[in-house]
């Protein structure tokens, strides 16, 4: 798998929150259909970017 893409339109994101992960923080992106969990470093900054993008739409 060279490239993986998941497309979630900003208006579909209901909530973004972080939770504890052993190696790195996990961000849960909640939509009406499902929840996408992303493990990453810099979770606080990424959540700020996500929230700003949601509000800009």
PDB file of N, CA and C in Angstrom:
ATOM      1  N   UNK A   1       0.857  -1.165   0.000  1.00  0.00           N
ATOM      2  CA  UNK A   1       0.000   0.000   0.000  1.00  0.00           C
ATOM      3  C   UNK A   1       0.902   1.225   0.000  1.00  0.00           C
ATOM      4  N   UNK A   2       0.985   1.883  -1.121  1.00  0.00           N
ATOM      5  CA  UNK A   2       1.830   3.066  -1.246  1.00  0.00           C
ATOM      6  C   UNK A   2       1.150   4.323  -0.718  1.00  0.00           C
ATOM      7  N   UNK A   3      -0.141   4.379  -0.852  1.00  0.00           N
ATOM      8  CA  UNK A   3      -0.855   5.592  -0.471  1.00  0.00           C
ATOM      9  C   UNK A   3      -2.239   5.226   0.043  1.00  0.00           C
ATOM     10  N   UNK A   4      -2.577   5.791   1.187  1.00  0.00           N
ATOM     11  CA  UNK A   4      -3.894   5.563   1.759  1.00  0.00           C
ATOM     12  C   UNK A   4      -4.557   6.918   1.974  1.00  0.00           C
ATOM     13  N   UNK A   5      -5.767   7.075   1.488  1.00  0.00           N
ATOM     14  CA  UNK A   5      -6.491   8.333   1.658  1.00  0.00           C
ATOM     15  C   UNK A   5      -7.867   8.045   2.229  1.00  0.00           C
ATOM     16  N   UNK A   6      -8.231   8.840   3.198  1.00  0.00           N
ATOM     17  CA  UNK A   6      -9.582   8.825   3.743  1.00  0.00           C
ATOM     18  C   UNK A   6     -10.091  10.249   3.626  1.00  0.00           C
ATOM     19  N   UNK A   7     -11.205  10.423   2.948  1.00  0.00           N
ATOM     20  CA  UNK A   7     -11.752  11.764   2.744  1.00  0.00           C
ATOM     21  C   UNK A   7     -13.020  11.906   3.577  1.00  0.00           C
ATOM     22  N   UNK A   8     -12.979  12.882   4.490  1.00  0.00           N
ATOM     23  CA  UNK A   8     -14.146  13.216   5.300  1.00  0.00           C
ATOM     24  C   UNK A   8     -14.388  14.711   5.102  1.00  0.00           C
ATOM     25  N   UNK A   9     -15.493  15.083   4.499  1.00  0.00           N
ATOM     26  CA  UNK A   9     -15.782  16.514   4.332  1.00  0.00           C
ATOM     27  C   UNK A   9     -15.861  17.199   5.703  1.00  0.00           C
ATOM     28  N   UNK A  10     -15.307  18.411   5.807  1.00  0.00           N
ATOM     29  CA  UNK A  10     -15.273  19.112   7.095  1.00  0.00           C
ATOM     30  C   UNK A  10     -16.644  19.222   7.751  1.00  0.00           C
ATOM     31  N   UNK A  11     -17.715  19.526   6.995  1.00  0.00           N
ATOM     32  CA  UNK A  11     -19.025  19.640   7.647  1.00  0.00           C
ATOM     33  C   UNK A  11     -19.507  18.322   8.288  1.00  0.00           C
ATOM     34  N   UNK A  12     -18.961  17.182   7.833  1.00  0.00           N
ATOM     35  CA  UNK A  12     -19.367  15.887   8.384  1.00  0.00           C
ATOM     36  C   UNK A  12     -18.710  15.575   9.722  1.00  0.00           C
ATOM     37  N   UNK A  13     -17.641  16.282  10.063  1.00  0.00           N
ATOM     38  CA  UNK A  13     -16.956  16.040  11.341  1.00  0.00           C
ATOM     39  C   UNK A  13     -17.770  16.696  12.449  1.00  0.00           C
ATOM     40  N   UNK A  14     -18.284  15.871  13.350  1.00  0.00           N
ATOM     41  CA  UNK A  14     -19.100  16.358  14.463  1.00  0.00           C
ATOM     42  C   UNK A  14     -18.218  16.805  15.618  1.00  0.00           C
ATOM     43  N   UNK A  15     -17.183  16.022  15.882  1.00  0.00           N
ATOM     44  CA  UNK A  15     -16.352  16.288  17.056  1.00  0.00           C
ATOM     45  C   UNK A  15     -14.958  15.694  16.844  1.00  0.00           C
ATOM     46  N   UNK A  16     -13.959  16.401  17.335  1.00  0.00           N
ATOM     47  CA  UNK A  16     -12.583  15.888  17.327  1.00  0.00           C
ATOM     48  C   UNK A  16     -12.069  15.957  18.751  1.00  0.00           C
ATOM     49  N   UNK A  17     -11.595  14.833  19.254  1.00  0.00           N
ATOM     50  CA  UNK A  17     -11.075  14.829  20.622  1.00  0.00           C
ATOM     51  C   UNK A  17      -9.872  13.907  20.705  1.00  0.00           C
ATOM     52  N   UNK A  18      -9.032  14.167  21.694  1.00  0.00           N
ATOM     53  CA  UNK A  18      -7.853  13.316  21.850  1.00  0.00           C
ATOM     54  C   UNK A  18      -8.067  12.378  23.028  1.00  0.00           C
ATOM     55  N   UNK A  19      -7.347  11.270  22.962  1.00  0.00           N
ATOM     56  CA  UNK A  19      -7.357  10.310  24.069  1.00  0.00           C
ATOM     57  C   UNK A  19      -5.969   9.713  24.207  1.00  0.00           C
ATOM     58  N   UNK A  20      -5.730   9.102  25.332  1.00  0.00           N
ATOM     59  CA  UNK A  20      -4.422   8.552  25.653  1.00  0.00           C
ATOM     60  C   UNK A  20      -4.069   7.393  24.735  1.00  0.00           C
ATOM     61  N   UNK A  21      -2.823   7.375  24.304  1.00  0.00           N
ATOM     62  CA  UNK A  21      -2.262   6.260  23.562  1.00  0.00           C
ATOM     63  C   UNK A  21      -0.897   5.933  24.148  1.00  0.00           C
ATOM     64  N   UNK A  22      -0.518   4.685  24.167  1.00  0.00           N
ATOM     65  CA  UNK A  22       0.740   4.265  24.792  1.00  0.00           C
ATOM     66  C   UNK A  22       1.962   4.904  24.124  1.00  0.00           C
ATOM     67  N   UNK A  23       1.993   4.939  22.817  1.00  0.00           N
ATOM     68  CA  UNK A  23       3.146   5.472  22.098  1.00  0.00           C
ATOM     69  C   UNK A  23       2.916   6.924  21.702  1.00  0.00           C
ATOM     70  N   UNK A  24       1.748   7.207  21.184  1.00  0.00           N
ATOM     71  CA  UNK A  24       1.396   8.568  20.754  1.00  0.00           C
ATOM     72  C   UNK A  24      -0.084   8.801  21.060  1.00  0.00           C
ATOM     73  N   UNK A  25      -0.463  10.045  21.143  1.00  0.00           N
ATOM     74  CA  UNK A  25      -1.853  10.405  21.407  1.00  0.00           C
ATOM     75  C   UNK A  25      -2.736   9.969  20.246  1.00  0.00           C
ATOM     76  N   UNK A  26      -3.984   9.662  20.556  1.00  0.00           N
ATOM     77  CA  UNK A  26      -4.951   9.257  19.544  1.00  0.00           C
ATOM     78  C   UNK A  26      -5.994  10.361  19.405  1.00  0.00           C
ATOM     79  N   UNK A  27      -6.316  10.715  18.169  1.00  0.00           N
ATOM     80  CA  UNK A  27      -7.381  11.669  17.890  1.00  0.00           C
ATOM     81  C   UNK A  27      -8.544  10.887  17.293  1.00  0.00           C
ATOM     82  N   UNK A  28      -9.726  11.083  17.861  1.00  0.00           N
ATOM     83  CA  UNK A  28     -10.942  10.480  17.325  1.00  0.00           C
ATOM     84  C   UNK A  28     -11.729  11.545  16.586  1.00  0.00           C
ATOM     85  N   UNK A  29     -11.968  11.326  15.299  1.00  0.00           N
ATOM     86  CA  UNK A  29     -12.805  12.204  14.489  1.00  0.00           C
ATOM     87  C   UNK A  29     -14.168  11.537  14.372  1.00  0.00           C
ATOM     88  N   UNK A  30     -15.166  12.139  14.995  1.00  0.00           N
ATOM     89  CA  UNK A  30     -16.501  11.565  15.023  1.00  0.00           C
ATOM     90  C   UNK A  30     -17.374  12.177  13.932  1.00  0.00           C
ATOM     91  N   UNK A  31     -18.028  11.299  13.162  1.00  0.00           N
ATOM     92  CA  UNK A  31     -19.022  11.719  12.181  1.00  0.00           C
ATOM     93  C   UNK A  31     -20.331  11.029  12.548  1.00  0.00           C
ATOM     94  N   UNK A  32     -21.394  11.356  11.839  1.00  0.00           N
ATOM     95  CA  UNK A  32     -22.673  10.697  12.130  1.00  0.00           C
ATOM     96  C   UNK A  32     -22.631   9.218  11.766  1.00  0.00           C
ATOM     97  N   UNK A  33     -21.755   8.851  10.849  1.00  0.00           N
ATOM     98  CA  UNK A  33     -21.680   7.468  10.387  1.00  0.00           C
ATOM     99  C   UNK A  33     -20.679   6.613  11.154  1.00  0.00           C
ATOM    100  N   UNK A  34     -19.565   7.222  11.613  1.00  0.00           N
ATOM    101  CA  UNK A  34     -18.493   6.411  12.187  1.00  0.00           C
ATOM    102  C   UNK A  34     -17.501   7.299  12.920  1.00  0.00           C
ATOM    103  N   UNK A  35     -16.492   6.671  13.487  1.00  0.00           N
ATOM    104  CA  UNK A  35     -15.399   7.391  14.138  1.00  0.00           C
ATOM    105  C   UNK A  35     -14.080   6.912  13.547  1.00  0.00           C
ATOM    106  N   UNK A  36     -13.236   7.861  13.137  1.00  0.00           N
ATOM    107  CA  UNK A  36     -11.917   7.558  12.611  1.00  0.00           C
ATOM    108  C   UNK A  36     -10.905   7.889  13.699  1.00  0.00           C
ATOM    109  N   UNK A  37     -10.078   6.934  14.057  1.00  0.00           N
ATOM    110  CA  UNK A  37      -9.043   7.148  15.063  1.00  0.00           C
ATOM    111  C   UNK A  37      -7.691   7.283  14.386  1.00  0.00           C
ATOM    112  N   UNK A  38      -6.964   8.347  14.758  1.00  0.00           N
ATOM    113  CA  UNK A  38      -5.656   8.631  14.175  1.00  0.00           C
ATOM    114  C   UNK A  38      -4.643   8.716  15.304  1.00  0.00           C
ATOM    115  N   UNK A  39      -3.576   7.947  15.219  1.00  0.00           N
ATOM    116  CA  UNK A  39      -2.498   8.020  16.205  1.00  0.00           C
ATOM    117  C   UNK A  39      -1.458   8.995  15.673  1.00  0.00           C
ATOM    118  N   UNK A  40      -1.097  10.003  16.494  1.00  0.00           N
ATOM    119  CA  UNK A  40      -0.151  10.989  15.999  1.00  0.00           C
ATOM    120  C   UNK A  40       0.543  11.723  17.138  1.00  0.00           C
ATOM    121  N   UNK A  41       1.641  12.356  16.793  1.00  0.00           N
ATOM    122  CA  UNK A  41       2.308  13.287  17.694  1.00  0.00           C
ATOM    123  C   UNK A  41       1.791  14.680  17.348  1.00  0.00           C
ATOM    124  N   UNK A  42       1.747  15.584  18.297  1.00  0.00           N
ATOM    125  CA  UNK A  42       1.251  16.927  18.025  1.00  0.00           C
ATOM    126  C   UNK A  42      -0.264  16.970  17.929  1.00  0.00           C
ATOM    127  N   UNK A  43      -0.934  16.167  18.728  1.00  0.00           N
ATOM    128  CA  UNK A  43      -2.389  16.053  18.648  1.00  0.00           C
ATOM    129  C   UNK A  43      -3.093  17.370  18.950  1.00  0.00           C
ATOM    130  N   UNK A  44      -2.615  18.117  19.930  1.00  0.00           N
ATOM    131  CA  UNK A  44      -3.262  19.390  20.272  1.00  0.00           C
ATOM    132  C   UNK A  44      -3.263  20.343  19.079  1.00  0.00           C
ATOM    133  N   UNK A  45      -2.132  20.450  18.406  1.00  0.00           N
ATOM    134  CA  UNK A  45      -2.032  21.333  17.249  1.00  0.00           C
ATOM    135  C   UNK A  45      -2.927  20.844  16.106  1.00  0.00           C
ATOM    136  N   UNK A  46      -2.957  19.531  15.887  1.00  0.00           N
ATOM    137  CA  UNK A  46      -3.794  18.987  14.815  1.00  0.00           C
ATOM    138  C   UNK A  46      -5.271  19.224  15.106  1.00  0.00           C
ATOM    139  N   UNK A  47      -5.699  19.083  16.349  1.00  0.00           N
ATOM    140  CA  UNK A  47      -7.094  19.342  16.695  1.00  0.00           C
ATOM    141  C   UNK A  47      -7.429  20.812  16.464  1.00  0.00           C
ATOM    142  N   UNK A  48      -6.520  21.714  16.796  1.00  0.00           N
ATOM    143  CA  UNK A  48      -6.749  23.141  16.536  1.00  0.00           C
ATOM    144  C   UNK A  48      -6.928  23.403  15.039  1.00  0.00           C
ATOM    145  N   UNK A  49      -6.110  22.760  14.223  1.00  0.00           N
ATOM    146  CA  UNK A  49      -6.207  22.914  12.765  1.00  0.00           C
ATOM    147  C   UNK A  49      -7.539  22.359  12.264  1.00  0.00           C
ATOM    148  N   UNK A  50      -7.940  21.209  12.769  1.00  0.00           N
ATOM    149  CA  UNK A  50      -9.210  20.590  12.372  1.00  0.00           C
ATOM    150  C   UNK A  50     -10.376  21.503  12.749  1.00  0.00           C
ATOM    151  N   UNK A  51     -10.371  22.004  13.980  1.00  0.00           N
ATOM    152  CA  UNK A  51     -11.466  22.875  14.427  1.00  0.00           C
ATOM    153  C   UNK A  51     -11.530  24.159  13.613  1.00  0.00           C
ATOM    154  N   UNK A  52     -10.379  24.740  13.289  1.00  0.00           N
ATOM    155  CA  UNK A  52     -10.354  25.951  12.464  1.00  0.00           C
ATOM    156  C   UNK A  52     -10.907  25.674  11.070  1.00  0.00           C
ATOM    157  N   UNK A  53     -10.560  24.537  10.495  1.00  0.00           N
ATOM    158  CA  UNK A  53     -11.051  24.175   9.166  1.00  0.00           C
ATOM    159  C   UNK A  53     -12.558  23.939   9.188  1.00  0.00           C
ATOM    160  N   UNK A  54     -13.056  23.319  10.245  1.00  0.00           N
ATOM    161  CA  UNK A  54     -14.503  23.089  10.369  1.00  0.00           C
ATOM    162  C   UNK A  54     -15.259  24.400  10.448  1.00  0.00           C
ATOM    163  N   UNK A  55     -14.734  25.358  11.194  1.00  0.00           N
ATOM    164  CA  UNK A  55     -15.408  26.642  11.362  1.00  0.00           C
ATOM    165  C   UNK A  55     -15.342  27.506  10.106  1.00  0.00           C
ATOM    166  N   UNK A  56     -14.333  27.274   9.274  1.00  0.00           N
ATOM    167  CA  UNK A  56     -14.145  28.070   8.053  1.00  0.00           C
ATOM    168  C   UNK A  56     -15.108  27.658   6.947  1.00  0.00           C
ATOM    169  N   UNK A  57     -15.697  26.481   7.080  1.00  0.00           N
ATOM    170  CA  UNK A  57     -16.599  25.970   6.012  1.00  0.00           C
ATOM    171  C   UNK A  57     -17.967  26.567   6.160  1.00  0.00           C
TER     172      UNK A  57
END
